[in-house]
Amino acid sequence: MTSPDQPHHVEVKDGDQTVAAAEVTTTGRGGGTVRTSLHAPAGHVTPGTRASLVDAVMELPEVQASERLEATVPLGDGESLERLRERTRDTVTRPAGSTVLLDATLPPDSGGPRAGGEDAHEGP
């Protein structure tokens, strides 16, 4: 597990090109809150890429050890929001400028792939 408040970088790649990325920061020891900021380039991104990024974030040990998730998602990124709703409970979203803020509870089984989910890849 990474140190509290030390960001962890996650990437989804298409070949050598990063097509989506996230920064993940824990706010204390296990059982606390984890914060993530999801990013994907503007324009067309292959369907499933953003869901793969969410899955990669959710599979991190520090996320699995946490009880709450606070996420910042680009406004209009319905794929990431939908996957986050599938992987969390008590999910609340609200707009904030060009982003959507999501607050949610992480279920005990928040890690691990879902049926029909894409394979996710963690970047270096």
Protein backbone atom coordinates (compact mmCIF):
# COMPACT_ATOMS: atom_id res chain seq x y z
CA MET A 1 0.00 0.00 0.00
CA THR A 2 1.24 3.50 -0.74
CA SER A 3 1.82 6.07 1.98
CA PRO A 4 -1.16 8.23 2.95
CA ASP A 5 -1.53 11.32 0.78
CA GLN A 6 1.06 10.00 -1.71
CA PRO A 7 -0.55 9.83 -5.16
CA HIS A 8 -0.55 6.59 -7.12
CA HIS A 9 -0.68 6.93 -10.91
CA VAL A 10 -2.76 4.45 -12.94
CA GLU A 11 -2.82 4.32 -16.75
CA VAL A 12 -4.69 2.45 -19.46
CA LYS A 13 -2.65 2.17 -22.66
CA ASP A 14 -3.38 1.39 -26.27
CA GLY A 15 -0.03 0.13 -27.47
CA ASP A 16 2.50 2.70 -26.31
CA GLN A 17 -0.05 5.52 -25.98
CA THR A 18 -1.75 6.37 -22.68
CA VAL A 19 -5.47 6.67 -23.41
CA ALA A 20 -6.76 7.22 -19.86
CA ALA A 21 -5.14 7.93 -16.50
CA ALA A 22 -5.99 8.48 -12.85
CA GLU A 23 -4.33 9.79 -9.73
CA VAL A 24 -5.30 7.94 -6.54
CA THR A 25 -4.56 9.28 -3.05
CA THR A 26 -5.42 7.69 0.29
CA THR A 27 -6.35 9.90 3.22
CA GLY A 28 -5.18 7.73 6.08
CA ARG A 29 -4.83 4.10 7.03
CA GLY A 30 -7.03 1.32 5.70
CA GLY A 31 -10.73 1.79 6.19
CA GLY A 32 -10.57 5.50 5.39
CA THR A 33 -11.31 7.49 2.28
CA VAL A 34 -9.56 7.24 -1.06
CA ARG A 35 -9.64 10.09 -3.59
CA THR A 36 -9.20 9.72 -7.31
CA SER A 37 -9.16 12.02 -10.29
CA LEU A 38 -9.89 10.37 -13.65
CA HIS A 39 -8.57 11.78 -16.93
CA ALA A 40 -9.04 10.83 -20.59
CA PRO A 41 -8.11 12.88 -23.64
CA ALA A 42 -10.79 14.92 -25.34
CA GLY A 43 -12.34 13.41 -28.41
CA HIS A 44 -12.97 9.80 -29.30
CA VAL A 45 -11.69 7.15 -26.91
CA THR A 46 -12.31 3.47 -27.65
CA PRO A 47 -15.46 2.31 -25.83
CA GLY A 48 -14.56 0.43 -22.67
CA THR A 49 -11.34 2.39 -22.07
CA ARG A 50 -12.79 4.60 -19.34
CA ALA A 51 -14.48 1.60 -17.68
CA SER A 52 -11.11 -0.19 -17.73
CA LEU A 53 -9.56 2.77 -15.95
CA VAL A 54 -12.22 2.65 -13.23
CA ASP A 55 -11.63 -1.09 -12.84
CA ALA A 56 -7.86 -0.55 -12.55
CA VAL A 57 -8.42 2.05 -9.82
CA MET A 58 -10.89 -0.17 -7.96
CA GLU A 59 -8.42 -3.09 -7.99
CA LEU A 60 -5.68 -1.14 -6.19
CA PRO A 61 -5.01 -2.49 -2.67
CA GLU A 62 -5.42 0.96 -1.12
CA VAL A 63 -8.86 1.30 -2.70
CA GLN A 64 -9.89 -2.18 -1.59
CA ALA A 65 -8.77 -1.34 1.96
CA SER A 66 -10.86 1.86 2.05
CA GLU A 67 -14.49 2.41 2.99
CA ARG A 68 -15.24 5.61 1.03
CA LEU A 69 -14.42 6.90 -2.44
CA GLU A 70 -14.32 10.51 -3.60
CA ALA A 71 -13.83 10.81 -7.35
CA THR A 72 -13.49 13.69 -9.80
CA VAL A 73 -14.67 12.78 -13.28
CA PRO A 74 -14.76 15.00 -16.40
CA LEU A 75 -18.24 16.32 -17.11
CA GLY A 76 -19.79 14.19 -19.85
CA ASP A 77 -17.79 11.05 -19.04
CA GLY A 78 -20.84 8.84 -18.67
CA GLU A 79 -18.86 5.61 -19.08
CA SER A 80 -16.68 6.27 -16.01
CA LEU A 81 -19.64 7.45 -13.95
CA GLU A 82 -21.68 4.37 -14.87
CA ARG A 83 -18.83 2.01 -13.97
CA LEU A 84 -18.26 3.83 -10.68
CA ARG A 85 -21.97 3.46 -9.86
CA GLU A 86 -21.73 -0.27 -10.65
CA ARG A 87 -18.71 -0.69 -8.37
CA THR A 88 -19.90 1.42 -5.41
CA ARG A 89 -23.02 1.99 -3.33
CA ASP A 90 -24.73 5.01 -1.78
CA THR A 91 -23.34 6.97 -4.72
CA VAL A 92 -23.99 10.71 -4.87
CA THR A 93 -22.87 12.93 -7.75
CA ARG A 94 -22.86 16.70 -8.19
CA PRO A 95 -21.55 18.98 -10.91
CA ALA A 96 -18.56 21.21 -10.17
CA GLY A 97 -17.46 23.35 -13.09
CA SER A 98 -16.16 21.10 -15.86
CA THR A 99 -16.21 18.02 -13.61
CA VAL A 100 -18.56 15.81 -11.66
CA LEU A 101 -17.77 15.02 -8.03
CA LEU A 102 -18.74 11.56 -6.85
CA ASP A 103 -18.97 10.42 -3.23
CA ALA A 104 -19.65 6.76 -2.52
CA THR A 105 -19.28 3.87 -0.13
CA LEU A 106 -17.02 1.04 -1.24
CA PRO A 107 -18.54 -2.41 -0.80
CA PRO A 108 -16.33 -5.06 0.81
CA ASP A 109 -15.94 -6.68 -2.63
CA SER A 110 -15.01 -3.41 -4.39
CA GLY A 111 -11.91 -4.96 -5.90
CA GLY A 112 -11.88 -7.57 -8.62
CA PRO A 113 -13.40 -7.61 -12.06
CA ARG A 114 -17.13 -7.59 -12.71
CA ALA A 115 -18.85 -9.90 -15.12
CA GLY A 116 -18.43 -8.53 -18.63
CA GLY A 117 -15.79 -6.03 -17.50
CA GLU A 118 -12.73 -5.12 -19.53
CA ASP A 119 -9.23 -6.12 -18.53
CA ALA A 120 -7.47 -3.18 -16.92
CA HIS A 121 -3.78 -2.36 -16.99
CA GLU A 122 -1.80 -0.46 -14.42
CA GLY A 123 0.84 1.89 -15.75
CA PRO A 124 4.44 2.20 -14.59
